[in-house]
Structure formats: structure tokens, C-alpha cells
Amino acid sequence: MALDRYRLIKLLNMTTSQHDAEVLVAIRKSNALLRQSRATWSEVLGITPGPLEDPAPPSYQTRPEEGSPREFASAQTSEARGLWKASVRAETFRAELRAIPSWLRFLFFPLWAGAEVVATAVIPSRNGFKRAIGIVLALIVFLLLSGVYLALLMQLFWS
């Protein structure tokens, strides 16, 4: 079967897209078109391998070796993605807290302040120890503010 060069050019032009999935599909379809016509990229490009060049494709490593830079980059990306998700959760929680009407926040001030501490210190933290300290801090803030708040209310209403 003859190679449809017009279709191949059209597919290769699609590789300039800014959408990675579209680029990948275009490359795969280009390779499938070459396989279907029993052609190689060397033939299409008009390049003939020299006597010292090996026309066999290089063997690619499918999994990174232990301690390789690729493995580190993958772990680093995973950690960064986890931190980003935690910060998005915290910001979403904070936005929902701040959407509560002011009079309701004032009425339940200790609970609101404890929730703010949770949103700031507990939700974004992935470390177990830091998370535990954040929870204890939120509990202390809640208890202290509850005591002060109740004492203030008692002063206002019973004096």
C-alpha cells in the first residue's frame, strides 16, 4: 500500500497543537500510517543510514532505575501535586468559612476561630507531627476563646 503523504503531513501539522493529548494521538496515527504502508521514517525523510549507523531503534528504558533523576523528578512532582491539592482544599475551606455571615461568625466566634486554625494549620499539613500540633493548637484556641467568650457574655448579661 502506498503512503498517503497528504494525510501524514496533516497529522504532523497536528503535532504543533498546545494540547498534549492531541499531539500524542497525531504522532501515534502517523506511526500507524507508516506501519500500514510498510514504510519507515528514514524512507519518508529520505535518509539512508550510513555504514556505521545502526538502523535498529534504540532500546528505551521503561522504568527508572533506583535513585535515577527520573525517579526523583516523579517523586518530587507527586509531592508537589499533593501539597498543591492540600493548599487548594485549605483555601476552599477558608473561602467557605468567610462566606458565613458576620453576625453568625460573631455568635459562634470560638468555633469559627478554631475552624480558621484548622484551615490554616491542619488541612495543608501532610506531616503527621505537624498535623497533630495543628489539631492541638486548634483545640487550645477553641477552648481559650470559648472561656473568654462565655465570661464576656456572662459579664454582659448578668451584671
N, C-alpha and C. Protein backbone atom coordinates (compact mmCIF):
# COMPACT_ATOMS: atom_id res chain seq x y z
N MET A 1 0.85 -1.19 0.00
CA MET A 1 0.00 0.00 0.00
C MET A 1 0.89 1.25 0.00
N ALA A 2 0.55 2.20 -0.81
CA ALA A 2 1.34 3.43 -0.94
C ALA A 2 1.05 4.36 0.25
N LEU A 3 2.07 5.09 0.61
CA LEU A 3 1.96 6.02 1.73
C LEU A 3 1.14 7.24 1.32
N ASP A 4 0.16 7.59 2.13
CA ASP A 4 -0.66 8.78 1.89
C ASP A 4 0.08 9.97 2.51
N ARG A 5 0.91 10.61 1.71
CA ARG A 5 1.76 11.69 2.21
C ARG A 5 0.94 12.91 2.66
N TYR A 6 -0.16 13.17 1.97
CA TYR A 6 -1.01 14.30 2.36
C TYR A 6 -1.54 14.09 3.78
N ARG A 7 -2.01 12.88 4.07
CA ARG A 7 -2.53 12.58 5.41
C ARG A 7 -1.41 12.64 6.46
N LEU A 8 -0.22 12.13 6.09
CA LEU A 8 0.91 12.17 7.01
C LEU A 8 1.29 13.62 7.34
N ILE A 9 1.31 14.48 6.35
CA ILE A 9 1.63 15.90 6.58
C ILE A 9 0.58 16.54 7.47
N LYS A 10 -0.67 16.21 7.22
CA LYS A 10 -1.76 16.75 8.04
C LYS A 10 -1.61 16.30 9.50
N LEU A 11 -1.27 15.02 9.70
CA LEU A 11 -1.06 14.52 11.06
C LEU A 11 0.14 15.20 11.73
N LEU A 12 1.22 15.37 10.97
CA LEU A 12 2.41 16.01 11.54
C LEU A 12 2.15 17.48 11.87
N ASN A 13 1.31 18.15 11.11
CA ASN A 13 0.94 19.53 11.44
C ASN A 13 0.14 19.59 12.74
N MET A 14 -0.57 18.52 13.05
CA MET A 14 -1.35 18.49 14.30
C MET A 14 -0.44 18.40 15.53
N THR A 15 0.82 18.05 15.34
CA THR A 15 1.74 17.95 16.48
C THR A 15 2.14 19.32 17.02
N THR A 16 1.73 20.39 16.37
CA THR A 16 2.03 21.73 16.87
C THR A 16 0.96 22.23 17.83
N SER A 17 -0.05 21.40 18.09
CA SER A 17 -1.13 21.80 18.99
C SER A 17 -0.60 22.02 20.40
N GLN A 18 -1.29 22.84 21.17
CA GLN A 18 -0.89 23.06 22.56
C GLN A 18 -1.51 22.04 23.50
N HIS A 19 -2.35 21.16 22.95
CA HIS A 19 -2.98 20.11 23.74
C HIS A 19 -2.17 18.82 23.60
N ASP A 20 -1.57 18.37 24.69
CA ASP A 20 -0.68 17.21 24.66
C ASP A 20 -1.37 15.95 24.16
N ALA A 21 -2.60 15.74 24.54
CA ALA A 21 -3.31 14.53 24.11
C ALA A 21 -3.48 14.52 22.59
N GLU A 22 -3.78 15.66 22.02
CA GLU A 22 -3.95 15.76 20.56
C GLU A 22 -2.63 15.48 19.85
N VAL A 23 -1.54 15.98 20.40
CA VAL A 23 -0.22 15.76 19.82
C VAL A 23 0.13 14.27 19.85
N LEU A 24 -0.12 13.64 20.99
CA LEU A 24 0.19 12.22 21.14
C LEU A 24 -0.62 11.37 20.16
N VAL A 25 -1.89 11.68 20.01
CA VAL A 25 -2.73 10.94 19.06
C VAL A 25 -2.21 11.13 17.63
N ALA A 26 -1.83 12.34 17.29
CA ALA A 26 -1.32 12.61 15.94
C ALA A 26 -0.03 11.82 15.67
N ILE A 27 0.85 11.76 16.64
CA ILE A 27 2.10 11.00 16.47
C ILE A 27 1.80 9.52 16.33
N ARG A 28 0.93 9.02 17.18
CA ARG A 28 0.59 7.59 17.10
C ARG A 28 -0.07 7.25 15.77
N LYS A 29 -0.96 8.11 15.30
CA LYS A 29 -1.61 7.86 14.00
C LYS A 29 -0.59 7.94 12.86
N SER A 30 0.38 8.84 12.98
CA SER A 30 1.44 8.92 11.97
C SER A 30 2.24 7.63 11.93
N ASN A 31 2.60 7.11 13.08
CA ASN A 31 3.34 5.84 13.13
C ASN A 31 2.50 4.69 12.60
N ALA A 32 1.19 4.70 12.92
CA ALA A 32 0.31 3.64 12.41
C ALA A 32 0.21 3.72 10.89
N LEU A 33 0.15 4.94 10.36
CA LEU A 33 0.09 5.13 8.90
C LEU A 33 1.36 4.60 8.24
N LEU A 34 2.51 4.83 8.86
CA LEU A 34 3.77 4.31 8.33
C LEU A 34 3.79 2.78 8.37
N ARG A 35 3.35 2.21 9.50
CA ARG A 35 3.31 0.75 9.61
C ARG A 35 2.38 0.14 8.56
N GLN A 36 1.23 0.79 8.37
CA GLN A 36 0.24 0.29 7.42
C GLN A 36 0.80 0.28 6.00
N SER A 37 1.59 1.28 5.65
CA SER A 37 2.17 1.35 4.31
C SER A 37 3.53 0.68 4.25
N ARG A 38 3.95 0.07 5.35
CA ARG A 38 5.24 -0.63 5.45
C ARG A 38 6.41 0.30 5.08
N ALA A 39 6.35 1.51 5.60
CA ALA A 39 7.41 2.49 5.36
C ALA A 39 8.06 2.82 6.69
N THR A 40 9.23 3.43 6.65
CA THR A 40 9.93 3.87 7.86
C THR A 40 10.13 5.38 7.78
N TRP A 41 10.46 5.95 8.92
CA TRP A 41 10.71 7.39 8.94
C TRP A 41 11.93 7.72 8.10
N SER A 42 12.91 6.86 8.10
CA SER A 42 14.12 7.10 7.28
C SER A 42 13.77 7.19 5.81
N GLU A 43 12.86 6.31 5.36
CA GLU A 43 12.46 6.35 3.95
C GLU A 43 11.66 7.62 3.64
N VAL A 44 10.76 7.99 4.55
CA VAL A 44 9.93 9.17 4.34
C VAL A 44 10.79 10.43 4.29
N LEU A 45 11.77 10.49 5.18
CA LEU A 45 12.63 11.67 5.24
C LEU A 45 13.76 11.63 4.21
N GLY A 46 13.92 10.47 3.58
CA GLY A 46 14.96 10.36 2.56
C GLY A 46 16.34 10.21 3.14
N ILE A 47 16.43 9.68 4.31
CA ILE A 47 17.72 9.49 4.98
C ILE A 47 18.07 8.01 4.90
N THR A 48 19.26 7.74 4.42
CA THR A 48 19.71 6.35 4.41
C THR A 48 20.78 6.21 5.47
N PRO A 49 20.66 5.18 6.29
CA PRO A 49 21.68 5.00 7.33
C PRO A 49 23.04 4.71 6.72
N GLY A 50 24.06 5.32 7.30
CA GLY A 50 25.43 5.11 6.83
C GLY A 50 25.93 3.74 7.26
N PRO A 51 27.12 3.37 6.83
CA PRO A 51 27.64 2.04 7.15
C PRO A 51 27.90 1.85 8.66
N LEU A 52 28.17 2.94 9.38
CA LEU A 52 28.46 2.81 10.81
C LEU A 52 27.21 2.97 11.66
N GLU A 53 26.15 3.46 11.08
CA GLU A 53 24.93 3.69 11.85
C GLU A 53 24.13 2.41 11.94
N ASP A 54 23.52 2.19 13.09
CA ASP A 54 22.68 1.02 13.29
C ASP A 54 21.24 1.43 13.01
N PRO A 55 20.58 0.84 12.01
CA PRO A 55 19.22 1.24 11.71
C PRO A 55 18.21 0.73 12.74
N ALA A 56 18.62 -0.14 13.65
CA ALA A 56 17.70 -0.66 14.66
C ALA A 56 17.34 0.44 15.65
N PRO A 57 16.09 0.50 16.08
CA PRO A 57 15.70 1.54 17.04
C PRO A 57 16.39 1.32 18.38
N PRO A 58 16.69 2.40 19.09
CA PRO A 58 17.34 2.24 20.39
C PRO A 58 16.36 1.61 21.39
N SER A 59 16.93 0.90 22.36
CA SER A 59 16.06 0.32 23.39
C SER A 59 15.85 1.37 24.47
N TYR A 60 14.61 1.64 24.76
CA TYR A 60 14.29 2.66 25.74
C TYR A 60 13.99 2.02 27.08
N GLN A 61 14.42 2.67 28.10
CA GLN A 61 14.18 2.20 29.46
C GLN A 61 12.73 2.52 29.82
N THR A 62 11.98 1.50 30.23
CA THR A 62 10.57 1.72 30.54
C THR A 62 10.36 2.11 31.99
N ARG A 63 11.24 1.69 32.87
CA ARG A 63 11.12 2.06 34.28
C ARG A 63 12.40 2.72 34.74
N PRO A 64 12.31 3.74 35.56
CA PRO A 64 13.54 4.39 36.03
C PRO A 64 14.29 3.49 36.99
N GLU A 65 15.61 3.58 36.93
CA GLU A 65 16.43 2.81 37.86
C GLU A 65 16.34 3.42 39.25
N GLU A 66 16.71 2.63 40.24
CA GLU A 66 16.69 3.08 41.63
C GLU A 66 17.60 4.31 41.78
N GLY A 67 17.06 5.40 42.30
CA GLY A 67 17.84 6.61 42.55
C GLY A 67 18.13 7.43 41.30
N SER A 68 17.50 7.11 40.18
CA SER A 68 17.77 7.86 38.96
C SER A 68 17.09 9.23 39.02
N PRO A 69 17.54 10.20 38.22
CA PRO A 69 16.91 11.53 38.24
C PRO A 69 15.43 11.47 37.86
N ARG A 70 15.05 10.55 36.95
CA ARG A 70 13.64 10.45 36.56
C ARG A 70 12.78 10.03 37.74
N GLU A 71 13.29 9.10 38.55
CA GLU A 71 12.52 8.66 39.72
C GLU A 71 12.38 9.80 40.71
N PHE A 72 13.46 10.56 40.91
CA PHE A 72 13.41 11.70 41.82
C PHE A 72 12.42 12.74 41.33
N ALA A 73 12.45 13.02 40.03
CA ALA A 73 11.53 14.02 39.48
C ALA A 73 10.09 13.56 39.64
N SER A 74 9.85 12.28 39.48
CA SER A 74 8.50 11.75 39.64
C SER A 74 8.04 11.90 41.09
N ALA A 75 8.92 11.57 42.02
CA ALA A 75 8.57 11.70 43.44
C ALA A 75 8.36 13.16 43.80
N GLN A 76 9.21 14.02 43.27
CA GLN A 76 9.10 15.45 43.54
C GLN A 76 7.79 15.99 42.98
N THR A 77 7.41 15.57 41.79
CA THR A 77 6.17 16.00 41.18
C THR A 77 4.98 15.53 41.99
N SER A 78 5.05 14.29 42.46
CA SER A 78 3.96 13.73 43.26
C SER A 78 3.80 14.51 44.56
N GLU A 79 4.92 14.83 45.19
CA GLU A 79 4.88 15.59 46.45
C GLU A 79 4.32 16.99 46.20
N ALA A 80 4.77 17.63 45.12
CA ALA A 80 4.28 18.98 44.80
C ALA A 80 2.78 18.95 44.51
N ARG A 81 2.33 17.91 43.80
CA ARG A 81 0.90 17.80 43.49
C ARG A 81 0.10 17.62 44.78
N GLY A 82 0.62 16.81 45.72
CA GLY A 82 -0.06 16.61 46.99
C GLY A 82 -0.15 17.90 47.80
N LEU A 83 0.94 18.67 47.82
CA LEU A 83 0.93 19.95 48.54
C LEU A 83 -0.02 20.93 47.88
N TRP A 84 -0.06 20.94 46.55
CA TRP A 84 -0.97 21.83 45.85
C TRP A 84 -2.42 21.47 46.15
N LYS A 85 -2.74 20.17 46.15
CA LYS A 85 -4.11 19.74 46.46
C LYS A 85 -4.49 20.14 47.88
N ALA A 86 -3.56 19.99 48.82
CA ALA A 86 -3.84 20.36 50.21
C ALA A 86 -4.08 21.86 50.33
N SER A 87 -3.29 22.65 49.63
CA SER A 87 -3.49 24.10 49.72
C SER A 87 -4.81 24.52 49.07
N VAL A 88 -5.20 23.83 48.00
CA VAL A 88 -6.49 24.13 47.37
C VAL A 88 -7.62 23.78 48.32
N ARG A 89 -7.51 22.63 49.00
CA ARG A 89 -8.54 22.24 49.98
C ARG A 89 -8.63 23.27 51.09
N ALA A 90 -7.47 23.72 51.59
CA ALA A 90 -7.46 24.70 52.67
C ALA A 90 -8.08 26.02 52.21
N GLU A 91 -7.73 26.47 51.02
CA GLU A 91 -8.29 27.73 50.50
C GLU A 91 -9.79 27.62 50.28
N THR A 92 -10.24 26.47 49.81
CA THR A 92 -11.68 26.26 49.61
C THR A 92 -12.40 26.30 50.95
N PHE A 93 -11.82 25.64 51.95
CA PHE A 93 -12.41 25.62 53.28
C PHE A 93 -12.46 27.03 53.87
N ARG A 94 -11.35 27.78 53.71
CA ARG A 94 -11.31 29.15 54.21
C ARG A 94 -12.35 30.03 53.51
N ALA A 95 -12.50 29.86 52.21
CA ALA A 95 -13.48 30.66 51.46
C ALA A 95 -14.90 30.36 51.95
N GLU A 96 -15.17 29.09 52.25
CA GLU A 96 -16.49 28.74 52.76
C GLU A 96 -16.71 29.32 54.16
N LEU A 97 -15.65 29.33 54.98
CA LEU A 97 -15.76 29.92 56.32
C LEU A 97 -16.03 31.42 56.24
N ARG A 98 -15.35 32.07 55.32
CA ARG A 98 -15.50 33.52 55.20
C ARG A 98 -16.80 33.92 54.52
N ALA A 99 -17.48 32.97 53.92
CA ALA A 99 -18.78 33.25 53.31
C ALA A 99 -19.90 33.25 54.35
N ILE A 100 -19.58 32.78 55.56
CA ILE A 100 -20.58 32.78 56.64
C ILE A 100 -20.84 34.23 57.04
N PRO A 101 -22.09 34.60 57.23
CA PRO A 101 -22.40 35.99 57.61
C PRO A 101 -21.68 36.40 58.90
N SER A 102 -21.33 37.67 58.96
CA SER A 102 -20.55 38.18 60.10
C SER A 102 -21.27 37.99 61.43
N TRP A 103 -22.55 38.22 61.47
CA TRP A 103 -23.28 38.08 62.74
C TRP A 103 -23.24 36.64 63.25
N LEU A 104 -23.25 35.69 62.32
CA LEU A 104 -23.19 34.29 62.72
C LEU A 104 -21.77 33.92 63.18
N ARG A 105 -20.78 34.51 62.52
CA ARG A 105 -19.40 34.28 62.96
C ARG A 105 -19.19 34.84 64.37
N PHE A 106 -19.75 36.01 64.63
CA PHE A 106 -19.62 36.62 65.96
C PHE A 106 -20.34 35.79 67.02
N LEU A 107 -21.50 35.29 66.67
CA LEU A 107 -22.29 34.49 67.60
C LEU A 107 -21.56 33.21 67.99
N PHE A 108 -20.92 32.59 67.05
CA PHE A 108 -20.17 31.35 67.31
C PHE A 108 -18.68 31.58 67.11
N PHE A 109 -18.17 32.67 67.68
CA PHE A 109 -16.79 33.09 67.47
C PHE A 109 -15.76 32.02 67.83
N PRO A 110 -15.84 31.36 68.97
CA PRO A 110 -14.81 30.36 69.28
C PRO A 110 -14.78 29.22 68.26
N LEU A 111 -15.92 28.79 67.84
CA LEU A 111 -15.99 27.71 66.86
C LEU A 111 -15.41 28.18 65.52
N TRP A 112 -15.73 29.40 65.13
CA TRP A 112 -15.22 29.96 63.89
C TRP A 112 -13.70 30.12 63.94
N ALA A 113 -13.18 30.61 65.07
CA ALA A 113 -11.73 30.80 65.21
C ALA A 113 -11.00 29.45 65.18
N GLY A 114 -11.58 28.45 65.83
CA GLY A 114 -10.98 27.11 65.78
C GLY A 114 -10.97 26.56 64.36
N ALA A 115 -12.04 26.80 63.63
CA ALA A 115 -12.11 26.34 62.23
C ALA A 115 -11.08 27.06 61.37
N GLU A 116 -10.84 28.33 61.63
CA GLU A 116 -9.80 29.07 60.89
C GLU A 116 -8.42 28.48 61.17
N VAL A 117 -8.17 28.12 62.43
CA VAL A 117 -6.88 27.50 62.76
C VAL A 117 -6.75 26.16 62.05
N VAL A 118 -7.83 25.39 62.01
CA VAL A 118 -7.80 24.11 61.30
C VAL A 118 -7.50 24.34 59.82
N ALA A 119 -8.14 25.33 59.22
CA ALA A 119 -7.92 25.62 57.81
C ALA A 119 -6.49 26.08 57.55
N THR A 120 -5.90 26.78 58.50
CA THR A 120 -4.55 27.31 58.31
C THR A 120 -3.47 26.29 58.64
N ALA A 121 -3.62 25.57 59.74
CA ALA A 121 -2.54 24.72 60.23
C ALA A 121 -2.72 23.23 59.96
N VAL A 122 -3.95 22.76 59.93
CA VAL A 122 -4.15 21.31 59.87
C VAL A 122 -4.34 20.80 58.45
N ILE A 123 -5.21 21.42 57.69
CA ILE A 123 -5.53 20.90 56.36
C ILE A 123 -4.33 20.88 55.42
N PRO A 124 -3.54 21.95 55.31
CA PRO A 124 -2.42 21.90 54.36
C PRO A 124 -1.28 20.99 54.77
N SER A 125 -1.20 20.63 56.04
CA SER A 125 -0.06 19.85 56.53
C SER A 125 -0.21 18.38 56.16
N ARG A 126 0.88 17.81 55.62
CA ARG A 126 0.86 16.39 55.28
C ARG A 126 1.66 15.59 56.30
N ASN A 127 2.50 16.26 57.04
CA ASN A 127 3.32 15.60 58.04
C ASN A 127 2.45 15.28 59.25
N GLY A 128 2.52 14.06 59.74
CA GLY A 128 1.69 13.64 60.87
C GLY A 128 1.93 14.46 62.13
N PHE A 129 3.21 14.78 62.42
CA PHE A 129 3.53 15.53 63.63
C PHE A 129 3.00 16.96 63.53
N LYS A 130 3.23 17.60 62.40
CA LYS A 130 2.74 18.97 62.22
C LYS A 130 1.22 19.01 62.26
N ARG A 131 0.60 17.99 61.70
CA ARG A 131 -0.86 17.93 61.69
C ARG A 131 -1.38 17.78 63.12
N ALA A 132 -0.72 16.95 63.92
CA ALA A 132 -1.13 16.76 65.31
C ALA A 132 -0.98 18.05 66.11
N ILE A 133 0.12 18.76 65.89
CA ILE A 133 0.32 20.03 66.58
C ILE A 133 -0.77 21.03 66.17
N GLY A 134 -1.12 21.03 64.89
CA GLY A 134 -2.19 21.91 64.41
C GLY A 134 -3.53 21.61 65.05
N ILE A 135 -3.83 20.34 65.21
CA ILE A 135 -5.09 19.94 65.85
C ILE A 135 -5.10 20.37 67.31
N VAL A 136 -3.98 20.14 68.01
CA VAL A 136 -3.90 20.55 69.41
C VAL A 136 -4.01 22.06 69.52
N LEU A 137 -3.35 22.79 68.63
CA LEU A 137 -3.43 24.25 68.62
C LEU A 137 -4.86 24.72 68.38
N ALA A 138 -5.55 24.09 67.44
CA ALA A 138 -6.95 24.46 67.16
C ALA A 138 -7.82 24.20 68.38
N LEU A 139 -7.58 23.08 69.05
CA LEU A 139 -8.36 22.76 70.26
C LEU A 139 -8.08 23.77 71.37
N ILE A 140 -6.82 24.14 71.57
CA ILE A 140 -6.48 25.13 72.59
C ILE A 140 -7.13 26.48 72.27
N VAL A 141 -7.04 26.90 71.01
CA VAL A 141 -7.67 28.17 70.60
C VAL A 141 -9.16 28.12 70.87
N PHE A 142 -9.78 27.02 70.50
CA PHE A 142 -11.22 26.88 70.71
C PHE A 142 -11.57 26.94 72.20
N LEU A 143 -10.83 26.22 73.05
CA LEU A 143 -11.14 26.21 74.48
C LEU A 143 -10.88 27.57 75.13
N LEU A 144 -9.75 28.20 74.80
CA LEU A 144 -9.45 29.51 75.38
C LEU A 144 -10.47 30.56 74.94
N LEU A 145 -10.76 30.59 73.67
CA LEU A 145 -11.72 31.58 73.19
C LEU A 145 -13.13 31.29 73.71
N SER A 146 -13.45 30.03 73.89
CA SER A 146 -14.77 29.70 74.46
C SER A 146 -14.88 30.23 75.88
N GLY A 147 -13.81 30.04 76.66
CA GLY A 147 -13.81 30.54 78.04
C GLY A 147 -13.93 32.05 78.08
N VAL A 148 -13.13 32.74 77.28
CA VAL A 148 -13.18 34.20 77.25
C VAL A 148 -14.54 34.67 76.74
N TYR A 149 -15.04 34.02 75.73
CA TYR A 149 -16.32 34.39 75.14
C TYR A 149 -17.47 34.21 76.13
N LEU A 150 -17.46 33.08 76.82
CA LEU A 150 -18.51 32.84 77.81
C LEU A 150 -18.41 33.82 78.98
N ALA A 151 -17.19 34.12 79.42
CA ALA A 151 -17.00 35.09 80.51
C ALA A 151 -17.50 36.47 80.07
N LEU A 152 -17.22 36.85 78.84
CA LEU A 152 -17.69 38.12 78.31
C LEU A 152 -19.20 38.18 78.25
N LEU A 153 -19.82 37.10 77.77
CA LEU A 153 -21.27 37.04 77.69
C LEU A 153 -21.90 37.10 79.08
N MET A 154 -21.29 36.42 80.03
CA MET A 154 -21.82 36.43 81.41
C MET A 154 -21.71 37.85 81.98
N GLN A 155 -20.63 38.55 81.70
CA GLN A 155 -20.46 39.93 82.16
C GLN A 155 -21.53 40.84 81.56
N LEU A 156 -21.80 40.64 80.27
CA LEU A 156 -22.76 41.49 79.59
C LEU A 156 -24.19 41.25 80.07
N PHE A 157 -24.56 40.01 80.25
CA PHE A 157 -25.96 39.69 80.54
C PHE A 157 -26.28 39.57 82.03
N TRP A 158 -25.31 39.29 82.90
CA TRP A 158 -25.60 39.11 84.32
C TRP A 158 -24.99 40.19 85.21
N SER A 159 -24.62 41.29 84.66
CA SER A 159 -24.12 42.34 85.53
C SER A 159 -24.99 43.55 85.51
